[in-house]
Amino acid sequence: MPEEQTQSQLHRVRRLNDELRQTLTGGQIMLTAGIKSLTDAEQTAVMRAVVQFNDFTPDNDPYGEHDFGLVTVGATKVMWKIDYYDLNLQYASADPSDPKITNRVLTVMLAEEY
């Protein structure tokens, strides 16, 4: 957990991140060119895997924010990441726990695109 973040803020960030990932609401969804090149059925399977992801560990979630994951769908390795921006999408959010000043962006990409 970043030092400047309180436990209460961390819990709000985690809750907001889980909400975006699980419901695909509360932020923006970005699919990379690699994901968009998949068939509709493959894209659906990828998004289902992202929505259902719950394998958070100290290795992939060191700050407890639930903001990153790696899933494998068939033979396809997919990464997803949630970033926190200001409302204009120009700078990092001053407080990711405050949805009034934060625009969450969930990016889903093929691992090979990273």
N, C-alpha and C. Protein backbone atom coordinates (compact mmCIF):
# COMPACT_ATOMS: atom_id res chain seq x y z
N MET A 1 0.85 -1.18 0.00
CA MET A 1 0.00 0.00 0.00
C MET A 1 0.89 1.24 0.00
N PRO A 2 0.66 2.15 -0.93
CA PRO A 2 1.44 3.39 -0.90
C PRO A 2 1.28 4.09 0.46
N GLU A 3 2.37 4.65 0.95
CA GLU A 3 2.36 5.23 2.29
C GLU A 3 1.29 6.28 2.50
N GLU A 4 1.00 7.07 1.47
CA GLU A 4 0.06 8.18 1.65
C GLU A 4 -1.39 7.71 1.66
N GLN A 5 -1.63 6.43 1.43
CA GLN A 5 -2.99 5.91 1.35
C GLN A 5 -3.38 5.28 2.69
N THR A 6 -4.53 5.69 3.25
CA THR A 6 -5.01 5.10 4.50
C THR A 6 -5.68 3.77 4.21
N GLN A 7 -5.90 2.99 5.25
CA GLN A 7 -6.62 1.72 5.10
C GLN A 7 -8.01 1.94 4.51
N SER A 8 -8.68 2.98 4.97
CA SER A 8 -10.02 3.29 4.46
C SER A 8 -9.98 3.60 2.96
N GLN A 9 -8.99 4.38 2.55
CA GLN A 9 -8.84 4.68 1.13
C GLN A 9 -8.52 3.42 0.34
N LEU A 10 -7.66 2.58 0.87
CA LEU A 10 -7.31 1.33 0.19
C LEU A 10 -8.55 0.47 -0.02
N HIS A 11 -9.38 0.35 0.99
CA HIS A 11 -10.60 -0.45 0.86
C HIS A 11 -11.54 0.13 -0.20
N ARG A 12 -11.64 1.46 -0.26
CA ARG A 12 -12.48 2.09 -1.29
C ARG A 12 -11.91 1.85 -2.68
N VAL A 13 -10.58 1.98 -2.83
CA VAL A 13 -9.93 1.73 -4.12
C VAL A 13 -10.19 0.28 -4.55
N ARG A 14 -10.00 -0.65 -3.66
CA ARG A 14 -10.22 -2.07 -3.97
C ARG A 14 -11.67 -2.31 -4.38
N ARG A 15 -12.61 -1.75 -3.63
CA ARG A 15 -14.03 -1.92 -3.93
C ARG A 15 -14.37 -1.34 -5.30
N LEU A 16 -13.88 -0.14 -5.59
CA LEU A 16 -14.15 0.50 -6.88
C LEU A 16 -13.51 -0.28 -8.02
N ASN A 17 -12.30 -0.79 -7.80
CA ASN A 17 -11.64 -1.60 -8.83
C ASN A 17 -12.40 -2.89 -9.08
N ASP A 18 -12.82 -3.56 -8.01
CA ASP A 18 -13.60 -4.79 -8.18
C ASP A 18 -14.90 -4.51 -8.90
N GLU A 19 -15.55 -3.40 -8.57
CA GLU A 19 -16.80 -3.04 -9.24
C GLU A 19 -16.58 -2.85 -10.74
N LEU A 20 -15.54 -2.13 -11.11
CA LEU A 20 -15.27 -1.91 -12.53
C LEU A 20 -14.98 -3.23 -13.22
N ARG A 21 -14.12 -4.05 -12.64
CA ARG A 21 -13.74 -5.30 -13.27
C ARG A 21 -14.90 -6.29 -13.33
N GLN A 22 -15.69 -6.38 -12.29
CA GLN A 22 -16.75 -7.38 -12.22
C GLN A 22 -18.02 -6.98 -12.95
N THR A 23 -18.29 -5.69 -13.05
CA THR A 23 -19.55 -5.24 -13.68
C THR A 23 -19.31 -4.46 -14.96
N LEU A 24 -18.05 -4.11 -15.22
CA LEU A 24 -17.67 -3.29 -16.38
C LEU A 24 -18.39 -1.95 -16.37
N THR A 25 -18.67 -1.47 -15.16
CA THR A 25 -19.25 -0.14 -14.97
C THR A 25 -18.41 0.61 -13.95
N GLY A 26 -18.49 1.93 -13.98
CA GLY A 26 -17.73 2.73 -13.03
C GLY A 26 -16.40 3.19 -13.58
N GLY A 27 -16.23 3.11 -14.89
CA GLY A 27 -14.99 3.53 -15.52
C GLY A 27 -15.05 3.24 -17.01
N GLN A 28 -13.90 3.31 -17.63
CA GLN A 28 -13.80 3.05 -19.06
C GLN A 28 -13.08 1.73 -19.29
N ILE A 29 -13.44 1.07 -20.39
CA ILE A 29 -12.81 -0.19 -20.77
C ILE A 29 -12.05 0.05 -22.05
N MET A 30 -10.76 -0.31 -22.04
CA MET A 30 -9.92 -0.20 -23.23
C MET A 30 -9.49 -1.60 -23.64
N LEU A 31 -9.77 -1.95 -24.89
CA LEU A 31 -9.31 -3.21 -25.44
C LEU A 31 -8.24 -2.89 -26.46
N THR A 32 -7.09 -3.55 -26.35
CA THR A 32 -6.00 -3.28 -27.27
C THR A 32 -6.30 -3.88 -28.63
N ALA A 33 -5.47 -3.54 -29.59
CA ALA A 33 -5.64 -4.07 -30.95
C ALA A 33 -5.58 -5.59 -30.95
N GLY A 34 -4.73 -6.17 -30.13
CA GLY A 34 -4.63 -7.62 -30.06
C GLY A 34 -5.91 -8.27 -29.59
N ILE A 35 -6.53 -7.69 -28.58
CA ILE A 35 -7.81 -8.22 -28.09
C ILE A 35 -8.89 -8.02 -29.15
N LYS A 36 -8.91 -6.86 -29.78
CA LYS A 36 -9.92 -6.60 -30.81
C LYS A 36 -9.75 -7.49 -32.03
N SER A 37 -8.54 -8.05 -32.24
CA SER A 37 -8.32 -8.92 -33.38
C SER A 37 -8.86 -10.34 -33.15
N LEU A 38 -9.21 -10.65 -31.91
CA LEU A 38 -9.77 -11.96 -31.59
C LEU A 38 -11.20 -12.04 -32.12
N THR A 39 -11.70 -13.24 -32.28
CA THR A 39 -13.09 -13.42 -32.69
C THR A 39 -14.02 -12.91 -31.59
N ASP A 40 -15.26 -12.68 -31.91
CA ASP A 40 -16.23 -12.24 -30.90
C ASP A 40 -16.32 -13.25 -29.76
N ALA A 41 -16.32 -14.53 -30.10
CA ALA A 41 -16.40 -15.57 -29.07
C ALA A 41 -15.17 -15.54 -28.17
N GLU A 42 -14.00 -15.34 -28.76
CA GLU A 42 -12.77 -15.26 -27.97
C GLU A 42 -12.77 -14.02 -27.07
N GLN A 43 -13.23 -12.89 -27.61
CA GLN A 43 -13.31 -11.68 -26.80
C GLN A 43 -14.27 -11.87 -25.63
N THR A 44 -15.38 -12.52 -25.89
CA THR A 44 -16.35 -12.79 -24.82
C THR A 44 -15.72 -13.66 -23.74
N ALA A 45 -14.99 -14.69 -24.14
CA ALA A 45 -14.32 -15.58 -23.18
C ALA A 45 -13.26 -14.82 -22.38
N VAL A 46 -12.52 -13.95 -23.05
CA VAL A 46 -11.51 -13.14 -22.36
C VAL A 46 -12.17 -12.25 -21.32
N MET A 47 -13.21 -11.55 -21.70
CA MET A 47 -13.86 -10.64 -20.77
C MET A 47 -14.51 -11.40 -19.62
N ARG A 48 -15.05 -12.57 -19.89
CA ARG A 48 -15.61 -13.40 -18.82
C ARG A 48 -14.51 -13.76 -17.82
N ALA A 49 -13.33 -14.12 -18.33
CA ALA A 49 -12.21 -14.48 -17.45
C ALA A 49 -11.76 -13.28 -16.62
N VAL A 50 -11.74 -12.09 -17.21
CA VAL A 50 -11.36 -10.89 -16.48
C VAL A 50 -12.38 -10.60 -15.38
N VAL A 51 -13.66 -10.67 -15.73
CA VAL A 51 -14.74 -10.40 -14.77
C VAL A 51 -14.68 -11.38 -13.60
N GLN A 52 -14.37 -12.64 -13.88
CA GLN A 52 -14.38 -13.67 -12.85
C GLN A 52 -13.05 -13.80 -12.09
N PHE A 53 -12.02 -13.09 -12.52
CA PHE A 53 -10.71 -13.20 -11.89
C PHE A 53 -10.80 -12.86 -10.41
N ASN A 54 -10.18 -13.71 -9.59
CA ASN A 54 -10.16 -13.44 -8.15
C ASN A 54 -8.92 -14.06 -7.50
N ASP A 55 -7.87 -14.26 -8.27
CA ASP A 55 -6.66 -14.91 -7.78
C ASP A 55 -5.61 -13.87 -7.40
N PHE A 56 -5.97 -13.00 -6.47
CA PHE A 56 -5.06 -11.95 -6.05
C PHE A 56 -4.08 -12.51 -5.02
N THR A 57 -2.80 -12.23 -5.26
CA THR A 57 -1.74 -12.71 -4.37
C THR A 57 -0.79 -11.54 -4.10
N PRO A 58 0.08 -11.68 -3.12
CA PRO A 58 1.08 -10.62 -2.90
C PRO A 58 1.96 -10.37 -4.13
N ASP A 59 2.14 -11.38 -4.98
CA ASP A 59 2.96 -11.20 -6.17
C ASP A 59 2.28 -10.32 -7.21
N ASN A 60 0.99 -10.52 -7.44
CA ASN A 60 0.30 -9.75 -8.49
C ASN A 60 -0.51 -8.58 -7.93
N ASP A 61 -0.58 -8.48 -6.61
CA ASP A 61 -1.38 -7.41 -5.98
C ASP A 61 -0.68 -6.92 -4.71
N PRO A 62 0.56 -6.42 -4.82
CA PRO A 62 1.34 -6.09 -3.63
C PRO A 62 0.73 -4.99 -2.76
N TYR A 63 -0.09 -4.12 -3.35
CA TYR A 63 -0.69 -3.03 -2.57
C TYR A 63 -2.13 -3.32 -2.18
N GLY A 64 -2.68 -4.45 -2.60
CA GLY A 64 -4.03 -4.83 -2.21
C GLY A 64 -5.12 -4.05 -2.91
N GLU A 65 -4.81 -3.47 -4.07
CA GLU A 65 -5.79 -2.64 -4.78
C GLU A 65 -6.62 -3.40 -5.80
N HIS A 66 -6.30 -4.65 -6.08
CA HIS A 66 -7.00 -5.44 -7.09
C HIS A 66 -7.00 -4.71 -8.43
N ASP A 67 -5.82 -4.27 -8.85
CA ASP A 67 -5.71 -3.46 -10.06
C ASP A 67 -4.97 -4.14 -11.20
N PHE A 68 -4.64 -5.43 -11.06
CA PHE A 68 -3.89 -6.14 -12.10
C PHE A 68 -4.20 -7.61 -12.04
N GLY A 69 -4.21 -8.25 -13.22
CA GLY A 69 -4.37 -9.70 -13.26
C GLY A 69 -3.86 -10.27 -14.57
N LEU A 70 -3.55 -11.54 -14.53
CA LEU A 70 -3.13 -12.29 -15.70
C LEU A 70 -4.01 -13.52 -15.78
N VAL A 71 -4.65 -13.73 -16.93
CA VAL A 71 -5.52 -14.88 -17.14
C VAL A 71 -5.11 -15.59 -18.42
N THR A 72 -5.41 -16.85 -18.47
CA THR A 72 -5.16 -17.63 -19.69
C THR A 72 -6.50 -18.16 -20.16
N VAL A 73 -6.81 -17.86 -21.41
CA VAL A 73 -8.06 -18.31 -22.03
C VAL A 73 -7.66 -19.16 -23.22
N GLY A 74 -7.90 -20.48 -23.10
CA GLY A 74 -7.37 -21.37 -24.13
C GLY A 74 -5.86 -21.29 -24.09
N ALA A 75 -5.27 -20.94 -25.22
CA ALA A 75 -3.82 -20.78 -25.30
C ALA A 75 -3.41 -19.31 -25.23
N THR A 76 -4.37 -18.42 -25.00
CA THR A 76 -4.12 -16.99 -25.03
C THR A 76 -3.90 -16.43 -23.63
N LYS A 77 -2.74 -15.83 -23.42
CA LYS A 77 -2.44 -15.17 -22.14
C LYS A 77 -2.86 -13.71 -22.25
N VAL A 78 -3.63 -13.26 -21.27
CA VAL A 78 -4.21 -11.92 -21.27
C VAL A 78 -3.88 -11.23 -19.95
N MET A 79 -3.48 -9.97 -20.06
CA MET A 79 -3.25 -9.14 -18.89
C MET A 79 -4.32 -8.07 -18.82
N TRP A 80 -4.70 -7.71 -17.61
CA TRP A 80 -5.59 -6.56 -17.44
C TRP A 80 -5.02 -5.68 -16.33
N LYS A 81 -5.27 -4.39 -16.45
CA LYS A 81 -4.72 -3.41 -15.51
C LYS A 81 -5.70 -2.27 -15.36
N ILE A 82 -5.89 -1.81 -14.15
CA ILE A 82 -6.72 -0.63 -13.89
C ILE A 82 -5.80 0.52 -13.51
N ASP A 83 -5.97 1.64 -14.21
CA ASP A 83 -5.21 2.85 -13.91
C ASP A 83 -6.18 3.94 -13.48
N TYR A 84 -5.64 4.92 -12.74
CA TYR A 84 -6.44 6.00 -12.16
C TYR A 84 -6.01 7.34 -12.75
N TYR A 85 -6.92 8.00 -13.41
CA TYR A 85 -6.62 9.29 -14.05
C TYR A 85 -7.53 10.38 -13.49
N ASP A 86 -7.12 11.62 -13.75
CA ASP A 86 -8.02 12.73 -13.43
C ASP A 86 -9.20 12.65 -14.40
N LEU A 87 -10.17 13.52 -14.21
CA LEU A 87 -11.39 13.45 -15.03
C LEU A 87 -11.14 13.77 -16.50
N ASN A 88 -10.05 14.47 -16.80
CA ASN A 88 -9.71 14.79 -18.20
C ASN A 88 -8.81 13.75 -18.85
N LEU A 89 -8.48 12.70 -18.10
CA LEU A 89 -7.61 11.63 -18.60
C LEU A 89 -6.23 12.14 -19.02
N GLN A 90 -5.75 13.17 -18.33
CA GLN A 90 -4.44 13.73 -18.66
C GLN A 90 -3.38 13.39 -17.63
N TYR A 91 -3.77 13.31 -16.37
CA TYR A 91 -2.81 13.10 -15.29
C TYR A 91 -3.32 12.01 -14.35
N ALA A 92 -2.46 11.57 -13.49
CA ALA A 92 -2.88 10.61 -12.47
C ALA A 92 -3.87 11.27 -11.53
N SER A 93 -4.79 10.49 -11.02
CA SER A 93 -5.76 11.02 -10.06
C SER A 93 -5.06 11.39 -8.76
N ALA A 94 -5.47 12.48 -8.17
CA ALA A 94 -4.91 12.92 -6.89
C ALA A 94 -5.35 11.99 -5.76
N ASP A 95 -6.50 11.32 -5.93
CA ASP A 95 -7.02 10.42 -4.90
C ASP A 95 -7.86 9.33 -5.56
N PRO A 96 -7.25 8.19 -5.89
CA PRO A 96 -7.98 7.10 -6.56
C PRO A 96 -9.17 6.55 -5.77
N SER A 97 -9.23 6.86 -4.48
CA SER A 97 -10.36 6.38 -3.68
C SER A 97 -11.59 7.28 -3.83
N ASP A 98 -11.45 8.40 -4.51
CA ASP A 98 -12.56 9.35 -4.69
C ASP A 98 -13.06 9.30 -6.13
N PRO A 99 -14.19 8.64 -6.37
CA PRO A 99 -14.70 8.54 -7.74
C PRO A 99 -15.14 9.87 -8.33
N LYS A 100 -15.31 10.90 -7.51
CA LYS A 100 -15.72 12.20 -8.03
C LYS A 100 -14.58 12.90 -8.77
N ILE A 101 -13.33 12.47 -8.49
CA ILE A 101 -12.19 13.10 -9.15
C ILE A 101 -11.33 12.09 -9.91
N THR A 102 -11.84 10.85 -10.02
CA THR A 102 -11.04 9.79 -10.63
C THR A 102 -11.79 9.14 -11.77
N ASN A 103 -11.09 8.97 -12.88
CA ASN A 103 -11.60 8.22 -14.01
C ASN A 103 -10.80 6.92 -14.06
N ARG A 104 -11.46 5.81 -13.78
CA ARG A 104 -10.80 4.50 -13.82
C ARG A 104 -10.80 3.98 -15.25
N VAL A 105 -9.68 3.40 -15.65
CA VAL A 105 -9.57 2.81 -16.99
C VAL A 105 -9.05 1.38 -16.83
N LEU A 106 -9.87 0.44 -17.27
CA LEU A 106 -9.50 -0.97 -17.28
C LEU A 106 -8.99 -1.29 -18.68
N THR A 107 -7.72 -1.62 -18.78
CA THR A 107 -7.12 -1.98 -20.07
C THR A 107 -6.93 -3.49 -20.10
N VAL A 108 -7.41 -4.09 -21.18
CA VAL A 108 -7.28 -5.54 -21.38
C VAL A 108 -6.41 -5.73 -22.62
N MET A 109 -5.31 -6.53 -22.46
CA MET A 109 -4.37 -6.68 -23.56
C MET A 109 -3.85 -8.11 -23.62
N LEU A 110 -3.39 -8.51 -24.78
CA LEU A 110 -2.67 -9.76 -24.88
C LEU A 110 -1.35 -9.58 -24.14
N ALA A 111 -0.90 -10.60 -23.44
CA ALA A 111 0.36 -10.49 -22.69
C ALA A 111 1.51 -10.14 -23.63
N GLU A 112 1.46 -10.62 -24.86
CA GLU A 112 2.53 -10.34 -25.82
C GLU A 112 2.56 -8.88 -26.25
N GLU A 113 1.49 -8.14 -25.98
CA GLU A 113 1.46 -6.72 -26.33
C GLU A 113 2.14 -5.85 -25.28
N TYR A 114 2.40 -6.41 -24.12
CA TYR A 114 2.98 -5.62 -23.04
C TYR A 114 4.42 -5.27 -23.33
